[in-house]
Amino acid sequence: MEHMSRRQFIDPLAGLAGQATPTPVISFTQIAAKLSDEMWKAVYGKSSRKVRNMLEGMFSKAKGKSKKKGGMVSLKSKNRDRAHLEVRQGMLEEENEQLCEEVFKTWFMAHQSLLEDSLDYFGIAHKNGITDDELTAIEEATAEKLNEFLSHMEEKGHKLEEVSLYLAFVQAENLTKSDKAMDIFKTWQKDSTAPQPDPDPFAETEADAAAE
């Protein structure tokens, strides 16, 4: 999954050690918290039944579960209605970045054309949406470039919700300065029952506003 490469998460002790503090990232759990319940359901639903059983065994509070060997569970269909929300809540409470990342990766792999068109637009070589190259062109794209990219992808028939999720996942540095992307994130947040991160990494900073 090289095409999903992101910068390492910020080390809170780096500055104390005299090292340059890396650019802060938006974590996987913060992205999950921002998504509307329906969007998260769509993302989570692309995981295999085996993976969902595992995650629901770890995090779901749904009643009527029958425990199996190894902590696996089998939920009746009527008990799956809120399972995706309870899994997300569990991931957020534990700040389980690894599991959250895998859920997102599985969803992206089911959207090959989105990956291909995104990499094509930014001139990044790939094979069927998979690349070993750096994603610098996306990560460092200006807000104007990101807006143009979103418009381009919309014209190609992609859902802006899905394209914006991709930009958040690969950590486009100027994402919060993109008007089109921010409008989508604000809509998601209104329709999300998950507790929102504080401070909100998607919010425009005072420095961003002053730069406009």
N, C-alpha and C. Protein backbone atom coordinates (compact mmCIF):
# COMPACT_ATOMS: atom_id res chain seq x y z
N MET A 1 0.84 -1.21 0.00
CA MET A 1 0.00 0.00 0.00
C MET A 1 0.87 1.25 0.00
N GLU A 2 1.89 1.28 -0.84
CA GLU A 2 2.81 2.41 -0.85
C GLU A 2 2.13 3.71 -1.22
N HIS A 3 1.07 3.64 -2.02
CA HIS A 3 0.42 4.86 -2.46
C HIS A 3 -0.31 5.56 -1.31
N MET A 4 -0.42 4.89 -0.15
CA MET A 4 -1.07 5.48 1.01
C MET A 4 -0.07 6.14 1.95
N SER A 5 1.20 6.14 1.58
CA SER A 5 2.23 6.64 2.49
C SER A 5 1.93 8.04 2.99
N ARG A 6 2.10 8.23 4.30
CA ARG A 6 1.92 9.53 4.92
C ARG A 6 3.13 9.82 5.79
N ARG A 7 3.29 11.06 6.17
CA ARG A 7 4.39 11.39 7.08
C ARG A 7 4.14 10.70 8.43
N GLN A 8 5.22 10.51 9.14
CA GLN A 8 5.10 9.91 10.46
C GLN A 8 4.34 10.85 11.39
N PHE A 9 3.63 10.26 12.37
CA PHE A 9 2.91 11.09 13.32
C PHE A 9 3.90 11.95 14.12
N ILE A 10 3.47 13.09 14.54
CA ILE A 10 4.34 14.02 15.23
C ILE A 10 4.83 13.45 16.56
N ASP A 11 6.07 13.64 16.84
CA ASP A 11 6.66 13.20 18.11
C ASP A 11 6.60 14.38 19.07
N PRO A 12 5.77 14.30 20.13
CA PRO A 12 5.62 15.44 21.05
C PRO A 12 6.90 15.77 21.81
N LEU A 13 7.86 14.85 21.81
CA LEU A 13 9.11 15.09 22.53
C LEU A 13 10.22 15.58 21.62
N ALA A 14 9.94 15.66 20.31
CA ALA A 14 11.00 16.02 19.36
C ALA A 14 11.58 17.39 19.67
N GLY A 15 10.74 18.37 19.96
CA GLY A 15 11.21 19.72 20.25
C GLY A 15 12.07 19.77 21.50
N LEU A 16 11.71 18.98 22.51
CA LEU A 16 12.46 18.97 23.76
C LEU A 16 13.84 18.36 23.55
N ALA A 17 13.95 17.50 22.55
CA ALA A 17 15.24 16.85 22.29
C ALA A 17 16.12 17.69 21.38
N GLY A 18 15.65 18.90 21.04
CA GLY A 18 16.43 19.78 20.20
C GLY A 18 16.29 19.51 18.73
N GLN A 19 15.33 18.62 18.37
CA GLN A 19 15.10 18.30 16.97
C GLN A 19 14.00 19.19 16.42
N ALA A 20 14.01 19.36 15.11
CA ALA A 20 12.95 20.13 14.48
C ALA A 20 11.63 19.37 14.60
N THR A 21 10.61 20.04 15.06
CA THR A 21 9.31 19.40 15.23
C THR A 21 8.67 19.19 13.86
N PRO A 22 8.27 17.95 13.51
CA PRO A 22 7.66 17.69 12.21
C PRO A 22 6.33 18.42 12.06
N THR A 23 5.90 18.60 10.82
CA THR A 23 4.60 19.19 10.57
C THR A 23 3.53 18.31 11.18
N PRO A 24 2.61 18.85 12.00
CA PRO A 24 1.56 18.02 12.61
C PRO A 24 0.72 17.35 11.53
N VAL A 25 0.23 16.16 11.86
CA VAL A 25 -0.61 15.43 10.92
C VAL A 25 -2.01 15.31 11.45
N ILE A 26 -2.93 15.03 10.55
CA ILE A 26 -4.29 14.68 10.95
C ILE A 26 -4.31 13.18 11.11
N SER A 27 -4.61 12.70 12.29
CA SER A 27 -4.53 11.26 12.54
C SER A 27 -5.72 10.54 11.92
N PHE A 28 -5.59 9.24 11.81
CA PHE A 28 -6.65 8.43 11.21
C PHE A 28 -7.92 8.49 12.05
N THR A 29 -7.76 8.47 13.37
CA THR A 29 -8.95 8.51 14.23
C THR A 29 -9.63 9.88 14.15
N GLN A 30 -8.85 10.94 13.97
CA GLN A 30 -9.45 12.27 13.81
C GLN A 30 -10.26 12.35 12.52
N ILE A 31 -9.77 11.72 11.47
CA ILE A 31 -10.53 11.67 10.22
C ILE A 31 -11.82 10.89 10.43
N ALA A 32 -11.72 9.75 11.10
CA ALA A 32 -12.90 8.92 11.34
C ALA A 32 -13.95 9.68 12.14
N ALA A 33 -13.50 10.46 13.12
CA ALA A 33 -14.44 11.23 13.94
C ALA A 33 -15.17 12.28 13.12
N LYS A 34 -14.49 12.81 12.11
CA LYS A 34 -15.06 13.88 11.29
C LYS A 34 -16.13 13.36 10.33
N LEU A 35 -16.00 12.11 9.90
CA LEU A 35 -16.92 11.59 8.89
C LEU A 35 -18.35 11.50 9.42
N SER A 36 -19.30 11.77 8.53
CA SER A 36 -20.70 11.57 8.89
C SER A 36 -20.90 10.10 9.19
N ASP A 37 -21.95 9.78 9.94
CA ASP A 37 -22.21 8.39 10.28
C ASP A 37 -22.40 7.55 9.02
N GLU A 38 -23.08 8.09 8.02
CA GLU A 38 -23.32 7.34 6.79
C GLU A 38 -22.02 7.10 6.02
N MET A 39 -21.15 8.12 5.99
CA MET A 39 -19.88 7.96 5.29
C MET A 39 -19.02 6.92 5.99
N TRP A 40 -18.97 6.97 7.32
CA TRP A 40 -18.20 5.98 8.06
C TRP A 40 -18.76 4.58 7.83
N LYS A 41 -20.08 4.47 7.77
CA LYS A 41 -20.71 3.17 7.52
C LYS A 41 -20.26 2.61 6.18
N ALA A 42 -20.18 3.49 5.17
CA ALA A 42 -19.75 3.06 3.84
C ALA A 42 -18.29 2.62 3.86
N VAL A 43 -17.46 3.37 4.57
CA VAL A 43 -16.03 3.03 4.67
C VAL A 43 -15.86 1.70 5.39
N TYR A 44 -16.50 1.58 6.54
CA TYR A 44 -16.39 0.38 7.37
C TYR A 44 -16.94 -0.85 6.64
N GLY A 45 -17.98 -0.64 5.85
CA GLY A 45 -18.64 -1.75 5.17
C GLY A 45 -17.79 -2.44 4.13
N LYS A 46 -16.69 -1.81 3.70
CA LYS A 46 -15.81 -2.42 2.71
C LYS A 46 -14.84 -3.42 3.35
N SER A 47 -14.76 -3.42 4.66
CA SER A 47 -13.92 -4.41 5.34
C SER A 47 -14.57 -5.78 5.21
N SER A 48 -13.77 -6.82 5.21
CA SER A 48 -14.29 -8.18 5.07
C SER A 48 -15.13 -8.55 6.29
N ARG A 49 -15.98 -9.56 6.13
CA ARG A 49 -16.81 -10.00 7.24
C ARG A 49 -15.94 -10.46 8.41
N LYS A 50 -14.82 -11.12 8.08
CA LYS A 50 -13.92 -11.59 9.13
C LYS A 50 -13.36 -10.43 9.93
N VAL A 51 -12.94 -9.38 9.23
CA VAL A 51 -12.38 -8.20 9.92
C VAL A 51 -13.46 -7.51 10.75
N ARG A 52 -14.66 -7.37 10.17
CA ARG A 52 -15.74 -6.71 10.91
C ARG A 52 -16.12 -7.51 12.16
N ASN A 53 -16.13 -8.84 12.04
CA ASN A 53 -16.41 -9.66 13.22
C ASN A 53 -15.37 -9.43 14.30
N MET A 54 -14.11 -9.33 13.87
CA MET A 54 -13.03 -9.10 14.83
C MET A 54 -13.21 -7.75 15.52
N LEU A 55 -13.45 -6.70 14.73
CA LEU A 55 -13.58 -5.36 15.30
C LEU A 55 -14.81 -5.25 16.18
N GLU A 56 -15.89 -5.87 15.76
CA GLU A 56 -17.11 -5.81 16.57
C GLU A 56 -16.94 -6.60 17.85
N GLY A 57 -16.12 -7.66 17.79
CA GLY A 57 -15.82 -8.40 19.01
C GLY A 57 -15.01 -7.58 19.99
N MET A 58 -14.19 -6.69 19.45
CA MET A 58 -13.35 -5.85 20.29
C MET A 58 -14.11 -4.64 20.85
N PHE A 59 -14.98 -4.06 20.02
CA PHE A 59 -15.54 -2.76 20.37
C PHE A 59 -17.06 -2.68 20.50
N SER A 60 -17.79 -3.59 19.85
CA SER A 60 -19.24 -3.43 19.82
C SER A 60 -19.89 -3.73 21.16
N LYS A 61 -20.88 -2.91 21.50
CA LYS A 61 -21.64 -3.11 22.73
C LYS A 61 -23.01 -3.72 22.43
N ALA A 62 -23.21 -4.12 21.16
CA ALA A 62 -24.51 -4.65 20.76
C ALA A 62 -24.86 -5.88 21.58
N LYS A 63 -26.12 -5.96 21.96
CA LYS A 63 -26.59 -7.10 22.74
C LYS A 63 -26.85 -8.27 21.80
N GLY A 64 -26.88 -9.46 22.38
CA GLY A 64 -27.19 -10.63 21.59
C GLY A 64 -25.98 -11.23 20.92
N LYS A 65 -24.77 -10.85 21.36
CA LYS A 65 -23.56 -11.39 20.77
C LYS A 65 -23.32 -12.80 21.32
N SER A 66 -22.81 -13.68 20.50
CA SER A 66 -22.42 -15.00 20.96
C SER A 66 -20.92 -15.10 20.81
N LYS A 67 -20.23 -15.26 21.90
CA LYS A 67 -18.77 -15.27 21.89
C LYS A 67 -18.25 -16.54 21.21
N LYS A 68 -17.17 -16.39 20.48
CA LYS A 68 -16.52 -17.52 19.84
C LYS A 68 -15.06 -17.56 20.26
N LYS A 69 -14.39 -18.64 19.93
CA LYS A 69 -12.99 -18.79 20.27
C LYS A 69 -12.17 -17.65 19.69
N GLY A 70 -11.24 -17.14 20.47
CA GLY A 70 -10.36 -16.09 20.00
C GLY A 70 -10.99 -14.71 20.04
N GLY A 71 -12.11 -14.57 20.75
CA GLY A 71 -12.72 -13.26 20.88
C GLY A 71 -13.59 -12.87 19.70
N MET A 72 -13.71 -13.74 18.70
CA MET A 72 -14.55 -13.42 17.55
C MET A 72 -16.02 -13.51 17.97
N VAL A 73 -16.85 -12.76 17.30
CA VAL A 73 -18.27 -12.77 17.63
C VAL A 73 -19.08 -12.87 16.35
N SER A 74 -20.32 -13.27 16.52
CA SER A 74 -21.25 -13.30 15.39
C SER A 74 -22.46 -12.48 15.79
N LEU A 75 -22.69 -11.39 15.08
CA LEU A 75 -23.81 -10.53 15.40
C LEU A 75 -24.97 -10.81 14.45
N LYS A 76 -26.16 -10.89 15.00
CA LYS A 76 -27.33 -11.02 14.16
C LYS A 76 -27.52 -9.72 13.39
N SER A 77 -28.17 -9.79 12.24
CA SER A 77 -28.30 -8.61 11.38
C SER A 77 -28.93 -7.44 12.11
N LYS A 78 -29.89 -7.70 12.97
CA LYS A 78 -30.56 -6.60 13.67
C LYS A 78 -29.64 -5.90 14.66
N ASN A 79 -28.57 -6.62 15.07
CA ASN A 79 -27.63 -6.03 16.01
C ASN A 79 -26.49 -5.30 15.32
N ARG A 80 -26.45 -5.37 13.97
CA ARG A 80 -25.39 -4.72 13.23
C ARG A 80 -25.71 -3.26 12.90
N ASP A 81 -26.93 -2.82 13.21
CA ASP A 81 -27.35 -1.48 12.82
C ASP A 81 -26.42 -0.41 13.37
N ARG A 82 -25.95 -0.58 14.59
CA ARG A 82 -25.09 0.42 15.22
C ARG A 82 -23.66 -0.08 15.42
N ALA A 83 -23.37 -1.28 14.95
CA ALA A 83 -22.04 -1.86 15.18
C ALA A 83 -20.93 -0.98 14.64
N HIS A 84 -21.14 -0.40 13.44
CA HIS A 84 -20.09 0.43 12.83
C HIS A 84 -19.80 1.66 13.68
N LEU A 85 -20.85 2.21 14.31
CA LEU A 85 -20.66 3.39 15.16
C LEU A 85 -19.94 3.02 16.46
N GLU A 86 -20.25 1.85 17.00
CA GLU A 86 -19.61 1.42 18.23
C GLU A 86 -18.14 1.06 18.00
N VAL A 87 -17.86 0.50 16.82
CA VAL A 87 -16.47 0.21 16.48
C VAL A 87 -15.68 1.52 16.37
N ARG A 88 -16.27 2.50 15.69
CA ARG A 88 -15.59 3.80 15.58
C ARG A 88 -15.37 4.41 16.96
N GLN A 89 -16.39 4.37 17.80
CA GLN A 89 -16.26 4.94 19.14
C GLN A 89 -15.14 4.25 19.92
N GLY A 90 -15.06 2.93 19.78
CA GLY A 90 -14.00 2.19 20.47
C GLY A 90 -12.63 2.57 19.97
N MET A 91 -12.50 2.73 18.66
CA MET A 91 -11.21 3.14 18.09
C MET A 91 -10.81 4.52 18.58
N LEU A 92 -11.79 5.42 18.66
CA LEU A 92 -11.49 6.79 19.11
C LEU A 92 -11.07 6.79 20.57
N GLU A 93 -11.77 6.02 21.39
CA GLU A 93 -11.46 5.99 22.82
C GLU A 93 -10.06 5.42 23.07
N GLU A 94 -9.68 4.43 22.27
CA GLU A 94 -8.36 3.82 22.42
C GLU A 94 -7.29 4.52 21.59
N GLU A 95 -7.73 5.46 20.72
CA GLU A 95 -6.82 6.12 19.78
C GLU A 95 -6.04 5.06 19.00
N ASN A 96 -6.79 4.08 18.50
CA ASN A 96 -6.17 2.96 17.80
C ASN A 96 -5.95 3.32 16.34
N GLU A 97 -4.81 3.93 16.06
CA GLU A 97 -4.50 4.41 14.72
C GLU A 97 -4.29 3.26 13.73
N GLN A 98 -3.69 2.19 14.17
CA GLN A 98 -3.37 1.10 13.26
C GLN A 98 -4.62 0.44 12.70
N LEU A 99 -5.57 0.12 13.56
CA LEU A 99 -6.80 -0.52 13.07
C LEU A 99 -7.61 0.44 12.20
N CYS A 100 -7.65 1.69 12.61
CA CYS A 100 -8.39 2.69 11.84
C CYS A 100 -7.77 2.85 10.45
N GLU A 101 -6.45 2.86 10.39
CA GLU A 101 -5.75 2.98 9.12
C GLU A 101 -6.10 1.82 8.19
N GLU A 102 -6.16 0.61 8.74
CA GLU A 102 -6.45 -0.56 7.91
C GLU A 102 -7.86 -0.50 7.35
N VAL A 103 -8.80 0.01 8.13
CA VAL A 103 -10.17 0.16 7.64
C VAL A 103 -10.20 1.13 6.46
N PHE A 104 -9.49 2.24 6.59
CA PHE A 104 -9.43 3.21 5.48
C PHE A 104 -8.75 2.61 4.26
N LYS A 105 -7.65 1.91 4.44
CA LYS A 105 -6.92 1.34 3.32
C LYS A 105 -7.80 0.37 2.53
N THR A 106 -8.56 -0.44 3.25
CA THR A 106 -9.45 -1.39 2.57
C THR A 106 -10.47 -0.65 1.73
N TRP A 107 -11.00 0.43 2.25
CA TRP A 107 -11.99 1.22 1.51
C TRP A 107 -11.36 1.83 0.26
N PHE A 108 -10.15 2.37 0.39
CA PHE A 108 -9.49 2.98 -0.76
C PHE A 108 -9.22 1.97 -1.86
N MET A 109 -8.86 0.74 -1.48
CA MET A 109 -8.56 -0.27 -2.48
C MET A 109 -9.79 -0.67 -3.28
N ALA A 110 -10.96 -0.37 -2.77
CA ALA A 110 -12.20 -0.62 -3.50
C ALA A 110 -12.55 0.56 -4.41
N HIS A 111 -11.71 1.60 -4.40
CA HIS A 111 -11.93 2.80 -5.21
C HIS A 111 -10.70 3.06 -6.09
N GLN A 112 -10.38 2.07 -6.89
CA GLN A 112 -9.17 2.14 -7.71
C GLN A 112 -9.17 3.31 -8.67
N SER A 113 -10.32 3.60 -9.28
CA SER A 113 -10.37 4.69 -10.25
C SER A 113 -10.11 6.03 -9.59
N LEU A 114 -10.52 6.18 -8.33
CA LEU A 114 -10.25 7.42 -7.60
C LEU A 114 -8.74 7.59 -7.41
N LEU A 115 -8.07 6.50 -7.04
CA LEU A 115 -6.63 6.55 -6.84
C LEU A 115 -5.92 6.84 -8.16
N GLU A 116 -6.33 6.18 -9.23
CA GLU A 116 -5.69 6.37 -10.53
C GLU A 116 -5.85 7.81 -11.03
N ASP A 117 -7.08 8.33 -10.95
CA ASP A 117 -7.33 9.69 -11.45
C ASP A 117 -6.63 10.74 -10.59
N SER A 118 -6.52 10.49 -9.30
CA SER A 118 -5.84 11.42 -8.41
C SER A 118 -4.35 11.48 -8.74
N LEU A 119 -3.74 10.33 -8.88
CA LEU A 119 -2.30 10.28 -9.18
C LEU A 119 -2.02 10.81 -10.57
N ASP A 120 -2.90 10.53 -11.53
CA ASP A 120 -2.73 11.06 -12.89
C ASP A 120 -2.75 12.58 -12.87
N TYR A 121 -3.69 13.16 -12.13
CA TYR A 121 -3.84 14.61 -12.10
C TYR A 121 -2.57 15.28 -11.59
N PHE A 122 -1.95 14.68 -10.58
CA PHE A 122 -0.76 15.29 -9.98
C PHE A 122 0.54 14.79 -10.63
N GLY A 123 0.41 14.04 -11.72
CA GLY A 123 1.58 13.59 -12.45
C GLY A 123 2.45 12.60 -11.72
N ILE A 124 1.84 11.77 -10.90
CA ILE A 124 2.57 10.77 -10.13
C ILE A 124 2.45 9.41 -10.82
N ALA A 125 3.58 8.82 -11.17
CA ALA A 125 3.57 7.54 -11.87
C ALA A 125 2.97 6.44 -10.98
N HIS A 126 2.20 5.56 -11.59
CA HIS A 126 1.56 4.50 -10.81
C HIS A 126 1.18 3.34 -11.72
N LYS A 127 0.80 2.25 -11.12
CA LYS A 127 0.26 1.10 -11.84
C LYS A 127 -1.03 0.70 -11.16
N ASN A 128 -2.14 0.96 -11.86
CA ASN A 128 -3.46 0.65 -11.32
C ASN A 128 -3.70 1.32 -9.96
N GLY A 129 -3.22 2.56 -9.82
CA GLY A 129 -3.45 3.31 -8.59
C GLY A 129 -2.43 3.05 -7.50
N ILE A 130 -1.47 2.18 -7.74
CA ILE A 130 -0.43 1.86 -6.77
C ILE A 130 0.87 2.53 -7.21
N THR A 131 1.54 3.19 -6.28
CA THR A 131 2.79 3.88 -6.63
C THR A 131 3.82 3.73 -5.53
N ASP A 132 5.07 3.71 -5.93
CA ASP A 132 6.18 3.72 -4.98
C ASP A 132 6.76 5.12 -4.84
N ASP A 133 6.24 6.06 -5.64
CA ASP A 133 6.76 7.42 -5.63
C ASP A 133 6.21 8.21 -4.44
N GLU A 134 6.91 9.26 -4.10
CA GLU A 134 6.45 10.15 -3.04
C GLU A 134 5.19 10.89 -3.49
N LEU A 135 4.37 11.27 -2.53
CA LEU A 135 3.13 11.99 -2.83
C LEU A 135 3.29 13.49 -2.58
N THR A 136 4.51 13.97 -2.73
CA THR A 136 4.80 15.37 -2.43
C THR A 136 3.92 16.33 -3.22
N ALA A 137 3.63 16.01 -4.48
CA ALA A 137 2.82 16.91 -5.31
C ALA A 137 1.42 17.11 -4.72
N ILE A 138 0.91 16.09 -4.05
CA ILE A 138 -0.40 16.22 -3.39
C ILE A 138 -0.24 16.87 -2.03
N GLU A 139 0.73 16.41 -1.27
CA GLU A 139 0.93 16.91 0.09
C GLU A 139 1.20 18.41 0.11
N GLU A 140 1.93 18.91 -0.90
CA GLU A 140 2.32 20.33 -0.90
C GLU A 140 1.52 21.17 -1.87
N ALA A 141 0.45 20.63 -2.42
CA ALA A 141 -0.38 21.39 -3.36
C ALA A 141 -1.00 22.61 -2.68
N THR A 142 -1.08 23.72 -3.41
CA THR A 142 -1.68 24.93 -2.86
C THR A 142 -3.19 24.74 -2.72
N ALA A 143 -3.82 25.62 -1.95
CA ALA A 143 -5.28 25.56 -1.79
C ALA A 143 -5.97 25.70 -3.14
N GLU A 144 -5.45 26.59 -3.98
CA GLU A 144 -6.03 26.78 -5.31
C GLU A 144 -5.93 25.50 -6.13
N LYS A 145 -4.78 24.85 -6.05
CA LYS A 145 -4.57 23.60 -6.79
C LYS A 145 -5.53 22.51 -6.28
N LEU A 146 -5.73 22.47 -4.97
CA LEU A 146 -6.64 21.48 -4.40
C LEU A 146 -8.07 21.74 -4.85
N ASN A 147 -8.47 23.00 -4.90
CA ASN A 147 -9.81 23.35 -5.39
C ASN A 147 -9.98 22.92 -6.85
N GLU A 148 -8.96 23.18 -7.65
CA GLU A 148 -8.99 22.79 -9.06
C GLU A 148 -9.07 21.27 -9.19
N PHE A 149 -8.32 20.58 -8.35
CA PHE A 149 -8.32 19.12 -8.36
C PHE A 149 -9.70 18.57 -8.02
N LEU A 150 -10.33 19.14 -7.00
CA LEU A 150 -11.66 18.68 -6.60
C LEU A 150 -12.66 18.90 -7.74
N SER A 151 -12.57 20.04 -8.40
CA SER A 151 -13.47 20.31 -9.53
C SER A 151 -13.22 19.32 -10.67
N HIS A 152 -11.95 19.04 -10.91
CA HIS A 152 -11.58 18.08 -11.96
C HIS A 152 -12.15 16.70 -11.65
N MET A 153 -12.01 16.27 -10.41
CA MET A 153 -12.49 14.94 -10.03
C MET A 153 -14.02 14.87 -10.07
N GLU A 154 -14.66 15.98 -9.72
CA GLU A 154 -16.12 16.02 -9.79
C GLU A 154 -16.58 15.87 -11.24
N GLU A 155 -15.87 16.52 -12.16
CA GLU A 155 -16.20 16.42 -13.58
C GLU A 155 -16.01 14.99 -14.10
N LYS A 156 -15.09 14.26 -13.49
CA LYS A 156 -14.86 12.88 -13.90
C LYS A 156 -15.83 11.91 -13.25
N GLY A 157 -16.74 12.45 -12.45
CA GLY A 157 -17.79 11.62 -11.85
C GLY A 157 -17.51 11.10 -10.46
N HIS A 158 -16.42 11.57 -9.84
CA HIS A 158 -16.12 11.13 -8.48
C HIS A 158 -16.91 11.95 -7.46
N LYS A 159 -17.25 11.33 -6.35
CA LYS A 159 -17.94 12.04 -5.27
C LYS A 159 -16.92 12.87 -4.50
N LEU A 160 -17.25 14.15 -4.29
CA LEU A 160 -16.30 15.01 -3.59
C LEU A 160 -16.05 14.55 -2.16
N GLU A 161 -17.03 13.90 -1.55
CA GLU A 161 -16.83 13.38 -0.20
C GLU A 161 -15.69 12.37 -0.18
N GLU A 162 -15.64 11.55 -1.22
CA GLU A 162 -14.61 10.51 -1.28
C GLU A 162 -13.25 11.10 -1.64
N VAL A 163 -13.25 12.08 -2.53
CA VAL A 163 -11.98 12.71 -2.92
C VAL A 163 -11.40 13.50 -1.74
N SER A 164 -12.25 14.18 -0.99
CA SER A 164 -11.78 14.94 0.17
C SER A 164 -11.22 14.01 1.24
N LEU A 165 -11.84 12.85 1.37
CA LEU A 165 -11.33 11.86 2.32
C LEU A 165 -9.93 11.42 1.92
N TYR A 166 -9.71 11.25 0.64
CA TYR A 166 -8.37 10.88 0.15
C TYR A 166 -7.36 11.97 0.48
N LEU A 167 -7.73 13.23 0.26
CA LEU A 167 -6.81 14.33 0.56
C LEU A 167 -6.48 14.40 2.04
N ALA A 168 -7.46 14.11 2.88
CA ALA A 168 -7.21 14.10 4.32
C ALA A 168 -6.29 12.95 4.69
N PHE A 169 -6.51 11.81 4.07
CA PHE A 169 -5.72 10.62 4.40
C PHE A 169 -4.25 10.80 4.03
N VAL A 170 -3.99 11.39 2.86
CA VAL A 170 -2.59 11.59 2.45
C VAL A 170 -2.01 12.88 3.01
N GLN A 171 -2.82 13.60 3.76
CA GLN A 171 -2.40 14.81 4.48
C GLN A 171 -1.92 15.91 3.56
N ALA A 172 -2.81 16.39 2.74
CA ALA A 172 -2.51 17.58 1.94
C ALA A 172 -2.36 18.76 2.91
N GLU A 173 -1.21 19.40 2.88
CA GLU A 173 -0.87 20.42 3.88
C GLU A 173 -1.82 21.61 3.87
N ASN A 174 -2.35 21.97 2.70
CA ASN A 174 -3.22 23.15 2.60
C ASN A 174 -4.70 22.79 2.53
N LEU A 175 -5.02 21.62 3.06
CA LEU A 175 -6.39 21.14 2.99
C LEU A 175 -7.38 22.10 3.66
N THR A 176 -6.99 22.64 4.82
CA THR A 176 -7.92 23.52 5.54
C THR A 176 -8.08 24.88 4.85
N LYS A 177 -7.25 25.16 3.84
CA LYS A 177 -7.39 26.40 3.08
C LYS A 177 -8.21 26.20 1.81
N SER A 178 -8.59 24.95 1.53
CA SER A 178 -9.40 24.65 0.35
C SER A 178 -10.87 24.85 0.68
N ASP A 179 -11.49 25.84 0.06
CA ASP A 179 -12.90 26.14 0.34
C ASP A 179 -13.79 24.93 0.06
N LYS A 180 -13.55 24.27 -1.06
CA LYS A 180 -14.41 23.16 -1.45
C LYS A 180 -14.30 22.00 -0.45
N ALA A 181 -13.08 21.71 -0.01
CA ALA A 181 -12.88 20.62 0.94
C ALA A 181 -13.49 20.96 2.29
N MET A 182 -13.31 22.19 2.73
CA MET A 182 -13.80 22.58 4.05
C MET A 182 -15.32 22.57 4.12
N ASP A 183 -15.96 22.92 3.02
CA ASP A 183 -17.43 22.86 3.00
C ASP A 183 -17.90 21.43 3.23
N ILE A 184 -17.19 20.47 2.68
CA ILE A 184 -17.55 19.07 2.86
C ILE A 184 -17.33 18.62 4.29
N PHE A 185 -16.19 19.00 4.87
CA PHE A 185 -15.90 18.61 6.24
C PHE A 185 -16.92 19.18 7.23
N LYS A 186 -17.36 20.40 6.98
CA LYS A 186 -18.36 21.00 7.86
C LYS A 186 -19.67 20.23 7.79
N THR A 187 -20.03 19.77 6.60
CA THR A 187 -21.24 18.97 6.44
C THR A 187 -21.12 17.65 7.16
N TRP A 188 -19.95 17.01 7.02
CA TRP A 188 -19.72 15.75 7.72
C TRP A 188 -19.90 15.92 9.22
N GLN A 189 -19.26 16.93 9.76
CA GLN A 189 -19.26 17.10 11.21
C GLN A 189 -20.68 17.25 11.76
N LYS A 190 -21.55 17.94 11.02
CA LYS A 190 -22.93 18.12 11.47
C LYS A 190 -23.65 16.79 11.56
N ASP A 191 -23.26 15.83 10.70
CA ASP A 191 -23.96 14.55 10.62
C ASP A 191 -23.18 13.42 11.28
N SER A 192 -22.22 13.78 12.13
CA SER A 192 -21.43 12.77 12.83
C SER A 192 -21.82 12.75 14.30
N THR A 193 -22.09 11.55 14.83
CA THR A 193 -22.42 11.42 16.25
C THR A 193 -21.16 11.17 17.08
N ALA A 194 -20.01 11.08 16.43
CA ALA A 194 -18.76 10.86 17.15
C ALA A 194 -18.30 12.15 17.82
N PRO A 195 -17.67 12.05 19.00
CA PRO A 195 -17.10 13.25 19.63
C PRO A 195 -16.03 13.83 18.73
N GLN A 196 -16.06 15.14 18.54
CA GLN A 196 -15.12 15.78 17.62
C GLN A 196 -13.80 16.09 18.32
N PRO A 197 -12.69 15.97 17.59
CA PRO A 197 -11.37 16.23 18.18
C PRO A 197 -11.26 17.68 18.63
N ASP A 198 -10.58 17.87 19.75
CA ASP A 198 -10.38 19.22 20.28
C ASP A 198 -8.90 19.36 20.65
N PRO A 199 -8.16 20.23 19.98
CA PRO A 199 -8.62 21.14 18.92
C PRO A 199 -8.89 20.41 17.62
N ASP A 200 -9.72 21.01 16.78
CA ASP A 200 -10.12 20.41 15.52
C ASP A 200 -9.01 20.61 14.48
N PRO A 201 -8.35 19.54 14.03
CA PRO A 201 -7.25 19.69 13.06
C PRO A 201 -7.74 20.15 11.70
N PHE A 202 -9.04 20.09 11.47
CA PHE A 202 -9.60 20.51 10.20
C PHE A 202 -9.99 22.00 10.20
N ALA A 203 -9.96 22.60 11.36
CA ALA A 203 -10.38 23.99 11.46
C ALA A 203 -9.31 24.93 10.91
N GLU A 204 -9.76 26.01 10.30
CA GLU A 204 -8.83 27.01 9.80
C GLU A 204 -8.18 27.72 10.96
N THR A 205 -6.86 27.82 10.94
CA THR A 205 -6.14 28.48 12.02
C THR A 205 -6.13 29.98 11.81
N GLU A 206 -5.77 30.74 12.84
CA GLU A 206 -5.66 32.19 12.73
C GLU A 206 -4.59 32.56 11.70
N ALA A 207 -3.53 31.76 11.65
CA ALA A 207 -2.47 32.02 10.66
C ALA A 207 -2.99 31.83 9.25
N ASP A 208 -3.84 30.82 9.05
CA ASP A 208 -4.43 30.58 7.74
C ASP A 208 -5.28 31.76 7.33
N ALA A 209 -6.11 32.23 8.27
CA ALA A 209 -7.02 33.35 7.96
C ALA A 209 -6.24 34.62 7.65
N ALA A 210 -5.15 34.85 8.39
CA ALA A 210 -4.36 36.05 8.18
C ALA A 210 -3.64 36.02 6.84
N ALA A 211 -3.37 34.81 6.35
CA ALA A 211 -2.63 34.66 5.10
C ALA A 211 -3.52 34.89 3.88
N GLU A 212 -4.83 34.85 4.09
CA GLU A 212 -5.77 34.99 2.96
C GLU A 212 -5.91 36.44 2.54
